[in-house]
C-alpha atoms as a PDB file:
ATOM      1  CA  UNK A   1     -19.642 -32.785 -18.516  1.00  0.00           C
ATOM      2  CA  UNK A   2     -17.432 -31.850 -15.510  1.00  0.00           C
ATOM      3  CA  UNK A   3     -19.424 -30.271 -12.730  1.00  0.00           C
ATOM      4  CA  UNK A   4     -19.038 -26.498 -11.970  1.00  0.00           C
ATOM      5  CA  UNK A   5     -16.839 -26.460  -8.729  1.00  0.00           C
ATOM      6  CA  UNK A   6     -14.273 -28.742 -10.707  1.00  0.00           C
ATOM      7  CA  UNK A   7     -14.178 -26.181 -13.543  1.00  0.00           C
ATOM      8  CA  UNK A   8     -13.590 -23.759 -10.544  1.00  0.00           C
ATOM      9  CA  UNK A   9     -11.281 -25.737  -8.941  1.00  0.00           C
ATOM     10  CA  UNK A  10      -8.886 -25.880 -12.243  1.00  0.00           C
ATOM     11  CA  UNK A  11      -9.158 -22.610 -12.766  1.00  0.00           C
ATOM     12  CA  UNK A  12      -7.617 -21.676  -9.238  1.00  0.00           C
ATOM     13  CA  UNK A  13      -4.945 -24.586  -9.462  1.00  0.00           C
ATOM     14  CA  UNK A  14      -3.733 -22.846 -12.506  1.00  0.00           C
ATOM     15  CA  UNK A  15      -3.482 -19.388 -11.558  1.00  0.00           C
ATOM     16  CA  UNK A  16      -1.907 -20.576  -7.848  1.00  0.00           C
ATOM     17  CA  UNK A  17       0.679 -22.431 -10.273  1.00  0.00           C
ATOM     18  CA  UNK A  18       0.769 -19.437 -12.646  1.00  0.00           C
ATOM     19  CA  UNK A  19       1.613 -17.273  -9.049  1.00  0.00           C
ATOM     20  CA  UNK A  20       3.993 -19.854  -7.911  1.00  0.00           C
ATOM     21  CA  UNK A  21       5.608 -20.093 -11.556  1.00  0.00           C
ATOM     22  CA  UNK A  22       6.149 -16.324 -11.643  1.00  0.00           C
ATOM     23  CA  UNK A  23       7.165 -16.218  -8.280  1.00  0.00           C
ATOM     24  CA  UNK A  24      10.058 -18.734  -8.605  1.00  0.00           C
ATOM     25  CA  UNK A  25      11.327 -17.146 -11.979  1.00  0.00           C
ATOM     26  CA  UNK A  26      10.894 -13.577  -9.528  1.00  0.00           C
ATOM     27  CA  UNK A  27      13.686 -14.820  -7.082  1.00  0.00           C
ATOM     28  CA  UNK A  28      15.863 -15.960 -10.135  1.00  0.00           C
ATOM     29  CA  UNK A  29      16.365 -13.313 -11.511  1.00  0.00           C
ATOM     30  CA  UNK A  30      16.958 -11.086  -8.756  1.00  0.00           C
ATOM     31  CA  UNK A  31      19.791 -13.457  -7.473  1.00  0.00           C
ATOM     32  CA  UNK A  32      20.436 -13.389 -11.145  1.00  0.00           C
ATOM     33  CA  UNK A  33      20.426  -8.987 -10.787  1.00  0.00           C
ATOM     34  CA  UNK A  34      22.592  -9.267  -7.368  1.00  0.00           C
ATOM     35  CA  UNK A  35      25.372 -11.159  -9.519  1.00  0.00           C
ATOM     36  CA  UNK A  36      25.518  -7.773 -12.095  1.00  0.00           C
ATOM     37  CA  UNK A  37      23.082  -9.070 -15.354  1.00  0.00           C
ATOM     38  CA  UNK A  38      20.568  -7.141 -14.651  1.00  0.00           C
ATOM     39  CA  UNK A  39      20.453  -3.458 -15.164  1.00  0.00           C
ATOM     40  CA  UNK A  40      17.807  -2.944 -11.756  1.00  0.00           C
ATOM     41  CA  UNK A  41      15.482  -5.095  -9.939  1.00  0.00           C
ATOM     42  CA  UNK A  42      12.743  -3.431 -12.015  1.00  0.00           C
ATOM     43  CA  UNK A  43      14.214  -4.840 -14.785  1.00  0.00           C
ATOM     44  CA  UNK A  44      14.597  -8.173 -13.116  1.00  0.00           C
ATOM     45  CA  UNK A  45      10.976  -8.327 -11.906  1.00  0.00           C
ATOM     46  CA  UNK A  46      10.278  -7.933 -16.100  1.00  0.00           C
ATOM     47  CA  UNK A  47      12.455 -10.159 -17.500  1.00  0.00           C
ATOM     48  CA  UNK A  48      10.778 -12.897 -15.142  1.00  0.00           C
ATOM     49  CA  UNK A  49       6.970 -11.461 -16.104  1.00  0.00           C
ATOM     50  CA  UNK A  50       7.892 -11.409 -20.084  1.00  0.00           C
ATOM     51  CA  UNK A  51       9.857 -14.972 -19.377  1.00  0.00           C
ATOM     52  CA  UNK A  52       6.660 -16.640 -17.929  1.00  0.00           C
ATOM     53  CA  UNK A  53       4.635 -15.293 -20.687  1.00  0.00           C
ATOM     54  CA  UNK A  54       6.553 -16.831 -22.787  1.00  0.00           C
ATOM     55  CA  UNK A  55       6.889 -20.138 -21.316  1.00  0.00           C
ATOM     56  CA  UNK A  56       3.352 -20.883 -20.551  1.00  0.00           C
ATOM     57  CA  UNK A  57       0.507 -18.085 -22.471  1.00  0.00           C
ATOM     58  CA  UNK A  58      -2.374 -19.253 -20.555  1.00  0.00           C
ATOM     59  CA  UNK A  59      -0.663 -17.663 -17.369  1.00  0.00           C
ATOM     60  CA  UNK A  60      -0.790 -14.268 -19.242  1.00  0.00           C
ATOM     61  CA  UNK A  61      -4.973 -14.233 -18.448  1.00  0.00           C
ATOM     62  CA  UNK A  62      -3.706 -14.226 -14.811  1.00  0.00           C
ATOM     63  CA  UNK A  63      -0.911 -11.636 -15.051  1.00  0.00           C
ATOM     64  CA  UNK A  64      -3.444  -9.091 -17.249  1.00  0.00           C
ATOM     65  CA  UNK A  65      -5.836  -8.576 -14.121  1.00  0.00           C
ATOM     66  CA  UNK A  66      -4.062  -6.207 -12.137  1.00  0.00           C
ATOM     67  CA  UNK A  67      -2.443  -4.314 -14.841  1.00  0.00           C
ATOM     68  CA  UNK A  68      -5.901  -3.272 -16.241  1.00  0.00           C
ATOM     69  CA  UNK A  69      -6.593  -1.844 -12.523  1.00  0.00           C
ATOM     70  CA  UNK A  70      -3.655   0.003 -12.741  1.00  0.00           C
ATOM     71  CA  UNK A  71      -4.375   1.426 -16.330  1.00  0.00           C
ATOM     72  CA  UNK A  72      -7.743   2.518 -15.440  1.00  0.00           C
ATOM     73  CA  UNK A  73      -6.579   4.440 -12.449  1.00  0.00           C
ATOM     74  CA  UNK A  74      -3.953   6.027 -14.181  1.00  0.00           C
ATOM     75  CA  UNK A  75      -6.831   6.993 -17.523  1.00  0.00           C
ATOM     76  CA  UNK A  76      -9.041   8.414 -14.386  1.00  0.00           C
ATOM     77  CA  UNK A  77      -6.365  10.938 -13.138  1.00  0.00           C
ATOM     78  CA  UNK A  78      -4.984  11.375 -16.979  1.00  0.00           C
ATOM     79  CA  UNK A  79      -8.723  12.495 -18.170  1.00  0.00           C
ATOM     80  CA  UNK A  80      -8.933  14.762 -15.045  1.00  0.00           C
ATOM     81  CA  UNK A  81      -5.908  16.581 -16.018  1.00  0.00           C
ATOM     82  CA  UNK A  82      -6.529  16.600 -19.850  1.00  0.00           C
ATOM     83  CA  UNK A  83     -10.390  18.493 -18.483  1.00  0.00           C
ATOM     84  CA  UNK A  84      -8.451  20.821 -16.818  1.00  0.00           C
ATOM     85  CA  UNK A  85      -5.517  21.804 -19.122  1.00  0.00           C
ATOM     86  CA  UNK A  86      -8.335  22.414 -21.816  1.00  0.00           C
ATOM     87  CA  UNK A  87     -10.580  24.223 -18.907  1.00  0.00           C
ATOM     88  CA  UNK A  88      -7.380  26.703 -18.156  1.00  0.00           C
ATOM     89  CA  UNK A  89      -6.672  27.087 -22.406  1.00  0.00           C
ATOM     90  CA  UNK A  90      -9.882  28.271 -22.754  1.00  0.00           C
ATOM     91  CA  UNK A  91     -10.195  30.955 -19.758  1.00  0.00           C
ATOM     92  CA  UNK A  92      -6.443  32.073 -21.204  1.00  0.00           C
ATOM     93  CA  UNK A  93      -7.536  32.585 -24.395  1.00  0.00           C
ATOM     94  CA  UNK A  94     -10.676  34.704 -23.403  1.00  0.00           C
ATOM     95  CA  UNK A  95      -8.913  36.568 -20.583  1.00  0.00           C
ATOM     96  CA  UNK A  96      -6.289  37.265 -23.562  1.00  0.00           C
ATOM     97  CA  UNK A  97      -9.241  38.313 -26.080  1.00  0.00           C
ATOM     98  CA  UNK A  98     -10.399  40.471 -22.933  1.00  0.00           C
ATOM     99  CA  UNK A  99      -6.819  42.454 -22.878  1.00  0.00           C
ATOM    100  CA  UNK A 100      -6.648  42.426 -26.581  1.00  0.00           C
ATOM    101  CA  UNK A 101     -10.201  44.458 -26.466  1.00  0.00           C
ATOM    102  CA  UNK A 102      -9.305  46.418 -23.852  1.00  0.00           C
ATOM    103  CA  UNK A 103      -6.106  47.287 -24.849  1.00  0.00           C
ATOM    104  CA  UNK A 104      -7.631  48.255 -28.081  1.00  0.00           C
ATOM    105  CA  UNK A 105     -10.067  51.080 -26.860  1.00  0.00           C
ATOM    106  CA  UNK A 106      -7.673  52.511 -25.189  1.00  0.00           C
ATOM    107  CA  UNK A 107      -5.492  53.192 -28.203  1.00  0.00           C
ATOM    108  CA  UNK A 108      -8.265  54.048 -30.457  1.00  0.00           C
ATOM    109  CA  UNK A 109      -9.242  56.581 -27.429  1.00  0.00           C
ATOM    110  CA  UNK A 110      -5.592  57.503 -27.821  1.00  0.00           C
ATOM    111  CA  UNK A 111      -5.540  58.403 -31.208  1.00  0.00           C
ATOM    112  CA  UNK A 112      -8.600  60.143 -31.253  1.00  0.00           C
ATOM    113  CA  UNK A 113      -7.176  62.652 -28.539  1.00  0.00           C
ATOM    114  CA  UNK A 114      -4.506  62.950 -30.721  1.00  0.00           C
ATOM    115  CA  UNK A 115      -6.258  64.118 -33.708  1.00  0.00           C
ATOM    116  CA  UNK A 116      -8.326  66.659 -31.274  1.00  0.00           C
ATOM    117  CA  UNK A 117      -5.203  68.006 -30.231  1.00  0.00           C
ATOM    118  CA  UNK A 118      -3.602  68.693 -33.462  1.00  0.00           C
ATOM    119  CA  UNK A 119      -7.181  69.406 -34.983  1.00  0.00           C
ATOM    120  CA  UNK A 120      -7.086  72.297 -32.165  1.00  0.00           C
ATOM    121  CA  UNK A 121      -3.659  73.451 -33.454  1.00  0.00           C
ATOM    122  CA  UNK A 122      -4.649  73.880 -36.986  1.00  0.00           C
END
């Protein structure tokens, strides 16, 4: 049974190998982008990530970590935005209800005044 330190060294070696492979692919694809094969630098980088994942599937676990951190930050921001939108909707609805009630009261008062005027004339 191998020691824990040797297992850690293997994992680090794999990670460094994956990162080196990814770095080489990115540089190749960016040079292809300059030749006109890809539409943008972002596309060249995205293609290199997918090529590395396809060539060596064990590298995908090392590439996922950074994307998880980013997605967590985005999800927190989006949940805050959702809560703000919901609170705004609630406040708008309540203000609309208030305005409806007040307009209904005004219309009732107007109709009562009109009916009083017509009843006095007769």
